Protein backbone atom coordinates (compact mmCIF):
# COMPACT_ATOMS: atom_id res chain seq x y z
CA MET A 1 0.00 0.00 0.00
CA LYS A 2 2.79 2.41 0.92
CA LEU A 3 4.66 1.48 -2.24
CA LYS A 4 1.59 2.28 -4.38
CA LYS A 5 1.21 5.65 -2.68
CA VAL A 6 4.93 6.46 -3.10
CA LEU A 7 4.82 5.42 -6.75
CA ALA A 8 1.65 7.42 -7.28
CA ASP A 9 3.47 10.47 -5.92
CA ILE A 10 6.81 9.87 -7.66
CA VAL A 11 5.64 8.83 -11.14
CA PRO A 12 3.94 12.16 -12.01
CA VAL A 13 7.00 14.05 -10.72
CA LEU A 14 9.36 11.89 -12.81
CA VAL A 15 7.16 12.22 -15.89
CA GLY A 16 7.07 16.01 -15.35
CA ILE A 17 10.86 16.17 -15.01
CA LEU A 18 11.41 14.00 -18.09
CA LEU A 19 8.91 16.07 -20.07
CA ALA A 20 10.63 19.30 -18.97
CA LEU A 21 14.04 17.87 -19.97
CA PHE A 22 12.66 16.78 -23.34
CA ILE A 23 11.13 20.22 -23.99
CA ASN A 24 14.33 21.96 -22.91
CA GLN A 25 16.42 19.72 -25.17
CA TYR A 26 14.04 20.32 -28.07
CA GLN A 27 14.17 24.10 -27.58
CA GLN A 28 17.96 24.06 -27.31
CA SER A 29 18.22 21.96 -30.46
CA ARG A 30 15.94 24.35 -32.38
CA SER A 31 17.92 27.32 -31.08
CA GLU A 32 21.20 25.74 -32.24
CA GLU A 33 19.71 24.90 -35.64
CA GLU A 34 18.50 28.49 -36.05
CA TYR A 35 21.92 29.81 -35.00
CA ILE A 36 23.64 27.62 -37.61
CA ARG A 37 21.12 28.54 -40.33
CA ASN A 38 21.60 32.25 -39.59
CA SER A 39 25.38 31.79 -39.62
CA VAL A 40 25.23 29.91 -42.92
CA ARG A 41 23.01 32.62 -44.43
CA SER A 42 25.56 35.23 -43.34
CA ILE A 43 28.43 33.22 -44.81
CA ILE A 44 26.55 32.89 -48.10
CA LEU A 45 25.93 36.65 -48.20
CA GLU A 46 29.56 37.38 -47.40
CA ASN A 47 30.63 34.96 -50.14
CA GLU A 48 28.29 36.68 -52.62
CA GLU A 49 29.92 40.02 -51.77
CA ASN A 50 33.36 38.44 -52.26
CA ILE A 51 32.27 37.09 -55.65
CA LYS A 52 31.18 40.59 -56.72
CA GLU A 53 34.46 42.02 -55.44
CA LEU A 54 36.48 39.38 -57.33
CA GLU A 55 34.47 39.86 -60.54
CA TYR A 56 35.03 43.63 -60.37
CA ALA A 57 38.74 43.07 -59.72
CA LEU A 58 38.95 40.71 -62.70
CA SER A 59 37.31 43.26 -65.00
CA ARG A 60 39.72 46.00 -63.85
CA GLN A 61 42.67 43.62 -64.14
CA ALA A 62 41.57 42.63 -67.67
CA THR A 63 41.74 46.29 -68.64
CA PHE A 64 45.21 46.52 -67.15
CA ILE A 65 46.38 43.31 -68.89
CA ASP A 66 45.01 44.49 -72.25
CA THR A 67 46.74 47.85 -71.87
CA LEU A 68 49.93 46.15 -70.74
CA ASP A 69 49.78 43.73 -73.68
CA ASN A 70 49.52 46.68 -76.10
CA TYR A 71 52.72 48.22 -74.71
CA LEU A 72 54.61 45.08 -73.72
CA GLU A 73 57.27 45.35 -76.43
CA ASP A 74 57.36 49.16 -76.51
CA ASP A 75 60.42 50.26 -74.50
CA LEU A 76 59.23 53.87 -74.58
CA PHE A 77 56.30 53.00 -72.32
CA THR A 78 57.23 52.17 -68.77
CA LEU A 79 55.11 50.29 -66.29
CA ALA A 80 54.21 53.67 -64.79
CA ASP A 81 52.87 54.77 -68.19
CA VAL A 82 50.86 51.57 -68.55
CA LEU A 83 49.44 51.98 -65.04
CA LYS A 84 48.34 55.52 -65.89
CA LYS A 85 46.74 54.47 -69.18
CA ALA A 86 44.89 51.60 -67.46
CA ARG A 87 43.85 53.89 -64.57
CA GLY A 88 45.83 51.82 -62.08
CA VAL A 89 45.38 48.30 -60.84
CA TYR A 90 42.75 46.96 -58.52
CA SER A 91 43.09 44.28 -55.90
CA PRO A 92 40.04 42.75 -54.23
CA ASP A 93 39.23 43.37 -50.60
CA LEU A 94 37.88 40.04 -49.38
CA LYS A 95 35.96 39.34 -46.18
CA SER A 96 35.80 36.14 -44.15
CA THR A 97 34.74 37.36 -40.73
CA THR A 98 31.45 35.47 -40.50
CA TRP A 99 32.79 31.98 -41.06
CA LYS A 100 35.91 32.61 -38.96
CA PHE A 101 33.64 33.70 -36.13
CA LEU A 102 31.57 30.51 -36.53
CA VAL A 103 34.64 28.29 -36.59
CA GLN A 104 36.03 29.94 -33.45
CA ASP A 105 32.68 29.64 -31.68
CA SER A 106 32.07 26.46 -29.69
CA LYS A 107 29.05 25.78 -31.92
CA HIS A 108 31.28 24.96 -34.88
CA THR A 109 30.85 21.35 -33.83
CA LEU A 110 27.26 21.59 -35.06
CA VAL A 111 28.39 21.75 -38.69
CA SER A 112 29.89 18.93 -40.68
CA TYR A 113 33.53 18.25 -41.40
CA GLU A 114 32.83 18.81 -45.09
CA PHE A 115 31.39 22.25 -44.30
CA ILE A 116 34.52 23.29 -42.37
CA ASN A 117 36.80 21.69 -44.97
CA ARG A 118 35.18 23.66 -47.79
CA LEU A 119 35.67 26.87 -45.83
CA ALA A 120 39.32 25.95 -45.36
CA GLU A 121 39.66 25.55 -49.14
CA ILE A 122 38.24 29.04 -49.62
CA GLU A 123 40.70 30.35 -47.07
CA LYS A 124 43.61 28.90 -49.08
CA TYR A 125 42.51 30.99 -52.06
CA GLU A 126 42.06 34.05 -49.86
CA VAL A 127 45.64 33.64 -48.60
CA LEU A 128 46.91 33.36 -52.18
CA VAL A 129 44.98 36.47 -53.26
CA ASN A 130 46.41 38.41 -50.33
CA ARG A 131 49.94 37.23 -51.15
CA TYR A 132 49.54 38.39 -54.74
CA ASN A 133 48.27 41.74 -53.49
CA VAL A 134 51.38 42.14 -51.34
CA LYS A 135 53.69 41.03 -54.15
CA ILE A 136 52.10 43.47 -56.60
CA GLY A 137 52.35 46.27 -54.04
CA ASP A 138 56.00 45.44 -53.41
CA ILE A 139 56.77 45.73 -57.11
CA ILE A 140 54.70 48.85 -57.78
CA PHE A 141 56.26 50.77 -54.94
CA GLN A 142 59.87 50.09 -55.93
CA PRO A 143 60.80 53.12 -58.06
CA ALA A 144 64.09 51.55 -59.16
CA PHE A 145 62.21 48.88 -61.11
CA PHE A 146 59.38 51.07 -62.26
CA ASP A 147 61.09 52.11 -65.50
CA ASP A 148 62.55 48.67 -66.24
CA PRO A 149 60.90 47.38 -69.46
CA ARG A 150 61.29 43.78 -68.26
CA LEU A 151 59.00 44.56 -65.35
CA LYS A 152 56.08 44.76 -67.77
CA ASN A 153 56.63 41.09 -68.59
CA VAL A 154 56.75 40.21 -64.91
CA PHE A 155 53.50 42.06 -64.35
CA PHE A 156 51.87 40.39 -67.34
CA ILE A 157 52.69 36.94 -65.95
CA LEU A 158 51.81 37.94 -62.40
CA PHE A 159 48.39 39.32 -63.35
CA SER A 160 47.63 36.34 -65.56
CA ASP A 161 48.30 34.00 -62.63
CA PHE A 162 46.41 36.29 -60.27
CA GLY A 163 43.33 36.17 -62.50
CA SER A 164 43.34 32.38 -62.62
CA ILE A 165 43.47 32.23 -58.81
CA GLU A 166 40.63 34.72 -58.52
CA ARG A 167 38.50 32.75 -61.01
CA ALA A 168 39.20 29.54 -59.09
CA MET A 169 38.19 31.28 -55.87
CA ILE A 170 34.93 32.46 -57.45
CA LYS A 171 34.18 28.87 -58.44
CA GLU A 172 34.99 27.65 -54.93
CA LEU A 173 32.75 30.32 -53.37
CA ARG A 174 29.86 29.46 -55.69
CA ASP A 175 30.29 25.73 -55.08
CA PHE A 176 30.32 26.31 -51.32
CA ASN A 177 27.20 28.47 -51.49
CA ASP A 178 25.37 25.78 -53.51
CA PHE A 179 26.49 23.14 -51.01
CA ALA A 180 25.44 25.26 -48.02
CA ARG A 181 22.05 26.13 -49.52
CA GLU A 182 21.34 22.48 -50.24
CA THR A 183 22.65 21.17 -46.92
CA TYR A 184 20.76 23.71 -44.80
CA SER A 185 17.74 24.17 -47.11
CA ILE A 186 18.38 27.87 -47.55
CA THR A 187 16.68 29.72 -50.37
CA ASP A 188 17.60 33.07 -51.89
CA GLU A 189 14.31 34.53 -50.64
CA GLU A 190 15.34 34.18 -46.99
């Protein structure tokens, strides 16, 4: 009799506790899913901005390469002259703050290895783009080499390589965005 009474008192309490734990877990899970979806949306938007930045850089660099190609063999035109005619060079300003924040956050464990790995691939391209930017800056700001006709050839090769890296990065960004949209069921309307 006592056992029945104790069980009658304990069972509803245990069921209530288990139900509260289940609801709490469910809410936490939904909150984490929403956090990841919002983070992925932000990463996609940041990637889209980077794609626009890279495409603009490529168009400006194409103008520079065309101008440079026209004066490549002409020793009367220095690199400074070519830069003036092409209205300078442009290097992209890329952003990766959103995904770096996510990866540094403890919630990065909520995304797959493939997700993180794809972001790491994008980062490799970003590092290469930044290295090219530094290399180009180093060359442009060395007045001793500015009038050297051979420097035009170096720049032609450098910008051709730079463009191929930027195009590869655009592809990587688009592929990641497609993967992220599919994986997290994100539409452009969101």
